[in-house]
Amino acid sequence: MADGGDGRLRTAGSGGHGGAGRSVGGGMLLYAGLLALALLAAYCLYLRWRKRSGPGDAAQPSQAAPLPRMKRRDFSLEQLREFDGIRNPRILLAVNGKVFDVTKGSKFYGPEGPYGIFAGRDASRGLATFCLDKDALRDEYDDLSDLNAVQMESVREWEMQFKEKYDYVGRLLKPGEEPSEYTDEEDTKDHTKQE
């Protein structure tokens, strides 16, 4: 690399006209810009999270009483959408065909949370592709058949994490599929097993 006299660095073989040098420099500039944008977004999320979970929050009593445990049932996409934290205080989301009650994680999955877009929806595609915008949501049943092996493995890992942390409340029904009949005994046994 050498200074071309005009303050720009030139690579050997660029002939002083900057063809290859400009594309490398432009790529670096684009990379730096994207990195700065990603850091800014992460910082904004951090500030938002910190404001909600400030030191005074631990001392304040919860404003709402915890909701009772939900009875086991299956959901169509339309039924699932009711549980978005706005129309209903309970927040549900589906991962890999399974529906979880994530109400206790409302800081993350509530209307103002960083993952609030998934409330009342099938979050599988968004979690698999690490996409947190409307493009990751489908209004019809999503069979995930177009995801690659790595993305499907990611969906299964998210499913395991949700199983460990949140209550499993039922299945996400495919179009035309009938809901299962759950007995109180099955429901109680499954909830006891999770604890």
C-alpha atoms as a PDB file:
ATOM      1  CA  MET A   1       0.000   0.000   0.000  1.00  0.00           C
ATOM      2  CA  ALA A   2       1.198   3.479  -0.748  1.00  0.00           C
ATOM      3  CA  ASP A   3      -0.126   6.995  -0.464  1.00  0.00           C
ATOM      4  CA  GLY A   4      -1.260   8.124  -3.943  1.00  0.00           C
ATOM      5  CA  GLY A   5      -0.539  11.759  -3.148  1.00  0.00           C
ATOM      6  CA  ASP A   6      -4.213  12.618  -2.724  1.00  0.00           C
ATOM      7  CA  GLY A   7      -4.420  11.179   0.801  1.00  0.00           C
ATOM      8  CA  ARG A   8      -5.884   7.804  -0.298  1.00  0.00           C
ATOM      9  CA  LEU A   9      -4.052   4.552   0.226  1.00  0.00           C
ATOM     10  CA  ARG A  10      -3.532   2.461  -2.878  1.00  0.00           C
ATOM     11  CA  THR A  11      -2.738  -1.223  -3.078  1.00  0.00           C
ATOM     12  CA  ALA A  12      -0.010  -2.572  -5.265  1.00  0.00           C
ATOM     13  CA  GLY A  13      -1.385  -3.305  -8.712  1.00  0.00           C
ATOM     14  CA  SER A  14      -4.248  -0.848  -8.449  1.00  0.00           C
ATOM     15  CA  GLY A  15      -2.536   1.406 -10.960  1.00  0.00           C
ATOM     16  CA  GLY A  16      -3.264   4.410  -8.871  1.00  0.00           C
ATOM     17  CA  HIS A  17      -6.849   4.428 -10.073  1.00  0.00           C
ATOM     18  CA  GLY A  18      -8.198   2.764  -6.937  1.00  0.00           C
ATOM     19  CA  GLY A  19     -10.431   0.098  -8.595  1.00  0.00           C
ATOM     20  CA  ALA A  20      -9.639  -2.738  -6.203  1.00  0.00           C
ATOM     21  CA  GLY A  21      -8.648  -0.362  -3.425  1.00  0.00           C
ATOM     22  CA  ARG A  22     -11.979   1.420  -3.505  1.00  0.00           C
ATOM     23  CA  SER A  23     -14.004  -1.794  -3.289  1.00  0.00           C
ATOM     24  CA  VAL A  24     -11.941  -2.996  -0.328  1.00  0.00           C
ATOM     25  CA  GLY A  25     -12.240   0.409   1.334  1.00  0.00           C
ATOM     26  CA  GLY A  26     -15.966   0.563   0.538  1.00  0.00           C
ATOM     27  CA  GLY A  27     -16.463  -2.916   1.963  1.00  0.00           C
ATOM     28  CA  MET A  28     -14.617  -1.965   5.129  1.00  0.00           C
ATOM     29  CA  LEU A  29     -16.686   1.205   5.422  1.00  0.00           C
ATOM     30  CA  LEU A  30     -19.901  -0.789   4.981  1.00  0.00           C
ATOM     31  CA  TYR A  31     -18.741  -3.348   7.550  1.00  0.00           C
ATOM     32  CA  ALA A  32     -17.841  -0.600  10.034  1.00  0.00           C
ATOM     33  CA  GLY A  33     -21.214   1.060   9.472  1.00  0.00           C
ATOM     34  CA  LEU A  34     -23.115  -2.175  10.035  1.00  0.00           C
ATOM     35  CA  LEU A  35     -21.084  -2.919  13.143  1.00  0.00           C
ATOM     36  CA  ALA A  36     -21.796   0.565  14.508  1.00  0.00           C
ATOM     37  CA  LEU A  37     -25.512   0.105  13.787  1.00  0.00           C
ATOM     38  CA  ALA A  38     -25.565  -3.286  15.539  1.00  0.00           C
ATOM     39  CA  LEU A  39     -23.769  -1.848  18.581  1.00  0.00           C
ATOM     40  CA  LEU A  40     -26.198   1.069  18.716  1.00  0.00           C
ATOM     41  CA  ALA A  41     -29.179  -1.313  18.594  1.00  0.00           C
ATOM     42  CA  ALA A  42     -27.678  -3.479  21.357  1.00  0.00           C
ATOM     43  CA  TYR A  43     -27.024  -0.385  23.488  1.00  0.00           C
ATOM     44  CA  CYS A  44     -30.621   0.827  23.023  1.00  0.00           C
ATOM     45  CA  LEU A  45     -31.956  -2.597  24.069  1.00  0.00           C
ATOM     46  CA  TYR A  46     -29.666  -2.551  27.100  1.00  0.00           C
ATOM     47  CA  LEU A  47     -30.880   0.913  28.154  1.00  0.00           C
ATOM     48  CA  ARG A  48     -34.489  -0.171  27.729  1.00  0.00           C
ATOM     49  CA  TRP A  49     -33.909  -3.307  29.791  1.00  0.00           C
ATOM     50  CA  ARG A  50     -31.970  -1.422  32.479  1.00  0.00           C
ATOM     51  CA  LYS A  51     -34.713   1.183  32.811  1.00  0.00           C
ATOM     52  CA  ARG A  52     -37.278  -1.559  33.467  1.00  0.00           C
ATOM     53  CA  SER A  53     -35.163  -3.590  35.850  1.00  0.00           C
ATOM     54  CA  GLY A  54     -33.581  -0.772  37.799  1.00  0.00           C
ATOM     55  CA  PRO A  55     -32.511  -1.158  41.441  1.00  0.00           C
ATOM     56  CA  GLY A  56     -35.899   0.031  42.738  1.00  0.00           C
ATOM     57  CA  ASP A  57     -37.800  -2.742  40.994  1.00  0.00           C
ATOM     58  CA  ALA A  58     -36.693  -5.475  43.391  1.00  0.00           C
ATOM     59  CA  ALA A  59     -38.108  -3.614  46.388  1.00  0.00           C
ATOM     60  CA  GLN A  60     -41.473  -2.840  44.788  1.00  0.00           C
ATOM     61  CA  PRO A  61     -44.239  -5.410  45.166  1.00  0.00           C
ATOM     62  CA  SER A  62     -45.690  -6.886  42.023  1.00  0.00           C
ATOM     63  CA  GLN A  63     -48.628  -4.804  40.770  1.00  0.00           C
ATOM     64  CA  ALA A  64     -50.647  -7.770  39.549  1.00  0.00           C
ATOM     65  CA  ALA A  65     -51.220 -11.059  41.264  1.00  0.00           C
ATOM     66  CA  PRO A  66     -49.736 -14.016  39.404  1.00  0.00           C
ATOM     67  CA  LEU A  67     -52.180 -15.723  37.090  1.00  0.00           C
ATOM     68  CA  PRO A  68     -53.343 -19.223  38.018  1.00  0.00           C
ATOM     69  CA  ARG A  69     -51.780 -22.113  36.143  1.00  0.00           C
ATOM     70  CA  MET A  70     -53.443 -22.598  32.792  1.00  0.00           C
ATOM     71  CA  LYS A  71     -55.238 -25.868  32.093  1.00  0.00           C
ATOM     72  CA  ARG A  72     -53.798 -27.942  29.273  1.00  0.00           C
ATOM     73  CA  ARG A  73     -55.413 -27.356  25.860  1.00  0.00           C
ATOM     74  CA  ASP A  74     -54.502 -27.086  22.191  1.00  0.00           C
ATOM     75  CA  PHE A  75     -54.612 -23.869  20.153  1.00  0.00           C
ATOM     76  CA  SER A  76     -55.247 -22.824  16.597  1.00  0.00           C
ATOM     77  CA  LEU A  77     -53.235 -19.826  15.386  1.00  0.00           C
ATOM     78  CA  GLU A  78     -56.315 -17.616  15.843  1.00  0.00           C
ATOM     79  CA  GLN A  79     -56.827 -18.786  19.432  1.00  0.00           C
ATOM     80  CA  LEU A  80     -53.131 -18.307  20.215  1.00  0.00           C
ATOM     81  CA  ARG A  81     -53.228 -14.660  19.055  1.00  0.00           C
ATOM     82  CA  GLU A  82     -55.617 -13.775  21.897  1.00  0.00           C
ATOM     83  CA  PHE A  83     -52.779 -14.365  24.384  1.00  0.00           C
ATOM     84  CA  ASP A  84     -50.528 -11.480  23.378  1.00  0.00           C
ATOM     85  CA  GLY A  85     -50.346  -9.658  26.711  1.00  0.00           C
ATOM     86  CA  ILE A  86     -52.628  -6.891  25.406  1.00  0.00           C
ATOM     87  CA  ARG A  87     -56.030  -8.524  24.800  1.00  0.00           C
ATOM     88  CA  ASN A  88     -55.338 -11.007  27.568  1.00  0.00           C
ATOM     89  CA  PRO A  89     -52.819 -10.564  30.408  1.00  0.00           C
ATOM     90  CA  ARG A  90     -51.527 -14.086  29.821  1.00  0.00           C
ATOM     91  CA  ILE A  91     -48.758 -14.377  27.224  1.00  0.00           C
ATOM     92  CA  LEU A  92     -48.399 -17.537  25.166  1.00  0.00           C
ATOM     93  CA  LEU A  93     -46.146 -18.386  22.261  1.00  0.00           C
ATOM     94  CA  ALA A  94     -45.491 -21.477  20.186  1.00  0.00           C
ATOM     95  CA  VAL A  95     -42.154 -23.086  19.390  1.00  0.00           C
ATOM     96  CA  ASN A  96     -41.918 -26.143  17.149  1.00  0.00           C
ATOM     97  CA  GLY A  97     -45.626 -26.955  17.484  1.00  0.00           C
ATOM     98  CA  LYS A  98     -45.713 -26.612  21.269  1.00  0.00           C
ATOM     99  CA  VAL A  99     -47.389 -23.746  23.151  1.00  0.00           C
ATOM    100  CA  PHE A 100     -45.765 -22.273  26.257  1.00  0.00           C
ATOM    101  CA  ASP A 101     -47.066 -19.846  28.883  1.00  0.00           C
ATOM    102  CA  VAL A 102     -44.334 -17.179  29.033  1.00  0.00           C
ATOM    103  CA  THR A 103     -46.305 -14.750  31.216  1.00  0.00           C
ATOM    104  CA  LYS A 104     -43.668 -14.846  33.965  1.00  0.00           C
ATOM    105  CA  GLY A 105     -41.175 -13.641  31.339  1.00  0.00           C
ATOM    106  CA  SER A 106     -43.327 -10.643  30.381  1.00  0.00           C
ATOM    107  CA  LYS A 107     -40.279  -8.388  30.672  1.00  0.00           C
ATOM    108  CA  PHE A 108     -39.031 -10.113  27.514  1.00  0.00           C
ATOM    109  CA  TYR A 109     -42.233 -11.330  25.810  1.00  0.00           C
ATOM    110  CA  GLY A 110     -44.710  -8.616  26.842  1.00  0.00           C
ATOM    111  CA  PRO A 111     -45.871  -5.822  24.523  1.00  0.00           C
ATOM    112  CA  GLU A 112     -42.856  -3.630  25.355  1.00  0.00           C
ATOM    113  CA  GLY A 113     -40.297  -6.450  25.615  1.00  0.00           C
ATOM    114  CA  PRO A 114     -37.532  -7.117  23.101  1.00  0.00           C
ATOM    115  CA  TYR A 115     -39.276 -10.360  22.023  1.00  0.00           C
ATOM    116  CA  GLY A 116     -42.815  -8.946  22.323  1.00  0.00           C
ATOM    117  CA  ILE A 117     -43.368  -9.486  18.609  1.00  0.00           C
ATOM    118  CA  PHE A 118     -43.659 -13.228  19.316  1.00  0.00           C
ATOM    119  CA  ALA A 119     -46.422 -12.894  21.949  1.00  0.00           C
ATOM    120  CA  GLY A 120     -49.509 -14.784  20.854  1.00  0.00           C
ATOM    121  CA  ARG A 121     -47.705 -16.116  17.782  1.00  0.00           C
ATOM    122  CA  ASP A 122     -45.652 -19.029  16.482  1.00  0.00           C
ATOM    123  CA  ALA A 123     -42.106 -17.860  17.224  1.00  0.00           C
ATOM    124  CA  SER A 124     -40.343 -20.827  15.591  1.00  0.00           C
ATOM    125  CA  ARG A 125     -39.204 -19.148  12.358  1.00  0.00           C
ATOM    126  CA  GLY A 126     -38.052 -15.964  14.097  1.00  0.00           C
ATOM    127  CA  LEU A 127     -36.050 -17.886  16.689  1.00  0.00           C
ATOM    128  CA  ALA A 128     -34.548 -20.190  14.048  1.00  0.00           C
ATOM    129  CA  THR A 129     -33.425 -17.313  11.838  1.00  0.00           C
ATOM    130  CA  PHE A 130     -32.669 -14.825  14.642  1.00  0.00           C
ATOM    131  CA  CYS A 131     -35.123 -12.393  13.048  1.00  0.00           C
ATOM    132  CA  LEU A 132     -37.089 -10.117  15.371  1.00  0.00           C
ATOM    133  CA  ASP A 133     -39.364  -8.403  12.860  1.00  0.00           C
ATOM    134  CA  LYS A 134     -42.680  -9.080  11.151  1.00  0.00           C
ATOM    135  CA  ASP A 135     -40.941 -10.956   8.295  1.00  0.00           C
ATOM    136  CA  ALA A 136     -40.400 -13.843  10.721  1.00  0.00           C
ATOM    137  CA  LEU A 137     -44.120 -14.208  11.429  1.00  0.00           C
ATOM    138  CA  ARG A 138     -46.629 -16.077   9.319  1.00  0.00           C
ATOM    139  CA  ASP A 139     -50.380 -15.540   9.449  1.00  0.00           C
ATOM    140  CA  GLU A 140     -51.007 -19.122   8.360  1.00  0.00           C
ATOM    141  CA  TYR A 141     -49.653 -22.354   9.828  1.00  0.00           C
ATOM    142  CA  ASP A 142     -45.908 -22.591   9.174  1.00  0.00           C
ATOM    143  CA  ASP A 143     -44.581 -26.140   8.732  1.00  0.00           C
ATOM    144  CA  LEU A 144     -40.954 -24.851   8.701  1.00  0.00           C
ATOM    145  CA  SER A 145     -40.163 -27.204   5.799  1.00  0.00           C
ATOM    146  CA  ASP A 146     -37.956 -24.605   4.091  1.00  0.00           C
ATOM    147  CA  LEU A 147     -35.588 -24.214   7.063  1.00  0.00           C
ATOM    148  CA  ASN A 148     -32.142 -25.794   6.773  1.00  0.00           C
ATOM    149  CA  ALA A 149     -30.710 -28.338   9.234  1.00  0.00           C
ATOM    150  CA  VAL A 150     -28.897 -25.725  11.331  1.00  0.00           C
ATOM    151  CA  GLN A 151     -32.053 -23.624  11.659  1.00  0.00           C
ATOM    152  CA  MET A 152     -34.142 -26.674  12.622  1.00  0.00           C
ATOM    153  CA  GLU A 153     -31.575 -27.596  15.259  1.00  0.00           C
ATOM    154  CA  SER A 154     -31.861 -24.055  16.588  1.00  0.00           C
ATOM    155  CA  VAL A 155     -35.659 -24.424  16.814  1.00  0.00           C
ATOM    156  CA  ARG A 156     -35.242 -27.668  18.794  1.00  0.00           C
ATOM    157  CA  GLU A 157     -32.752 -25.983  21.151  1.00  0.00           C
ATOM    158  CA  TRP A 158     -35.178 -23.099  21.751  1.00  0.00           C
ATOM    159  CA  GLU A 159     -37.947 -25.617  22.401  1.00  0.00           C
ATOM    160  CA  MET A 160     -35.809 -27.334  25.061  1.00  0.00           C
ATOM    161  CA  GLN A 161     -35.038 -23.993  26.719  1.00  0.00           C
ATOM    162  CA  PHE A 162     -38.732 -23.089  26.837  1.00  0.00           C
ATOM    163  CA  LYS A 163     -39.581 -26.533  28.284  1.00  0.00           C
ATOM    164  CA  GLU A 164     -37.097 -25.961  31.100  1.00  0.00           C
ATOM    165  CA  LYS A 165     -38.197 -22.434  31.952  1.00  0.00           C
ATOM    166  CA  TYR A 166     -41.918 -22.116  31.123  1.00  0.00           C
ATOM    167  CA  ASP A 167     -45.107 -24.146  31.442  1.00  0.00           C
ATOM    168  CA  TYR A 168     -46.060 -26.240  28.442  1.00  0.00           C
ATOM    169  CA  VAL A 169     -49.788 -25.644  27.946  1.00  0.00           C
ATOM    170  CA  GLY A 170     -50.623 -27.531  24.746  1.00  0.00           C
ATOM    171  CA  ARG A 171     -50.005 -28.011  21.048  1.00  0.00           C
ATOM    172  CA  LEU A 172     -50.293 -25.634  18.122  1.00  0.00           C
ATOM    173  CA  LEU A 173     -52.874 -27.197  15.826  1.00  0.00           C
ATOM    174  CA  LYS A 174     -52.310 -27.687  12.124  1.00  0.00           C
ATOM    175  CA  PRO A 175     -55.203 -26.596   9.872  1.00  0.00           C
ATOM    176  CA  GLY A 176     -58.027 -29.132  10.148  1.00  0.00           C
ATOM    177  CA  GLU A 177     -56.459 -30.882  13.149  1.00  0.00           C
ATOM    178  CA  GLU A 178     -58.738 -31.565  16.109  1.00  0.00           C
ATOM    179  CA  PRO A 179     -57.671 -30.575  19.636  1.00  0.00           C
ATOM    180  CA  SER A 180     -56.792 -33.284  22.148  1.00  0.00           C
ATOM    181  CA  GLU A 181     -58.948 -33.963  25.183  1.00  0.00           C
ATOM    182  CA  TYR A 182     -56.852 -33.549  28.325  1.00  0.00           C
ATOM    183  CA  THR A 183     -58.013 -34.948  31.650  1.00  0.00           C
ATOM    184  CA  ASP A 184     -57.435 -33.124  34.925  1.00  0.00           C
ATOM    185  CA  GLU A 185     -55.251 -36.045  36.028  1.00  0.00           C
ATOM    186  CA  GLU A 186     -52.953 -35.720  32.958  1.00  0.00           C
ATOM    187  CA  ASP A 187     -52.787 -31.980  33.403  1.00  0.00           C
ATOM    188  CA  THR A 188     -51.862 -32.226  37.099  1.00  0.00           C
ATOM    189  CA  LYS A 189     -49.300 -34.984  36.466  1.00  0.00           C
ATOM    190  CA  ASP A 190     -47.590 -33.004  33.700  1.00  0.00           C
ATOM    191  CA  HIS A 191     -47.461 -29.806  35.743  1.00  0.00           C
ATOM    192  CA  THR A 192     -46.036 -31.667  38.767  1.00  0.00           C
ATOM    193  CA  LYS A 193     -43.390 -33.285  36.560  1.00  0.00           C
ATOM    194  CA  GLN A 194     -42.221 -29.839  35.345  1.00  0.00           C
ATOM    195  CA  GLU A 195     -41.592 -28.504  38.843  1.00  0.00           C
END
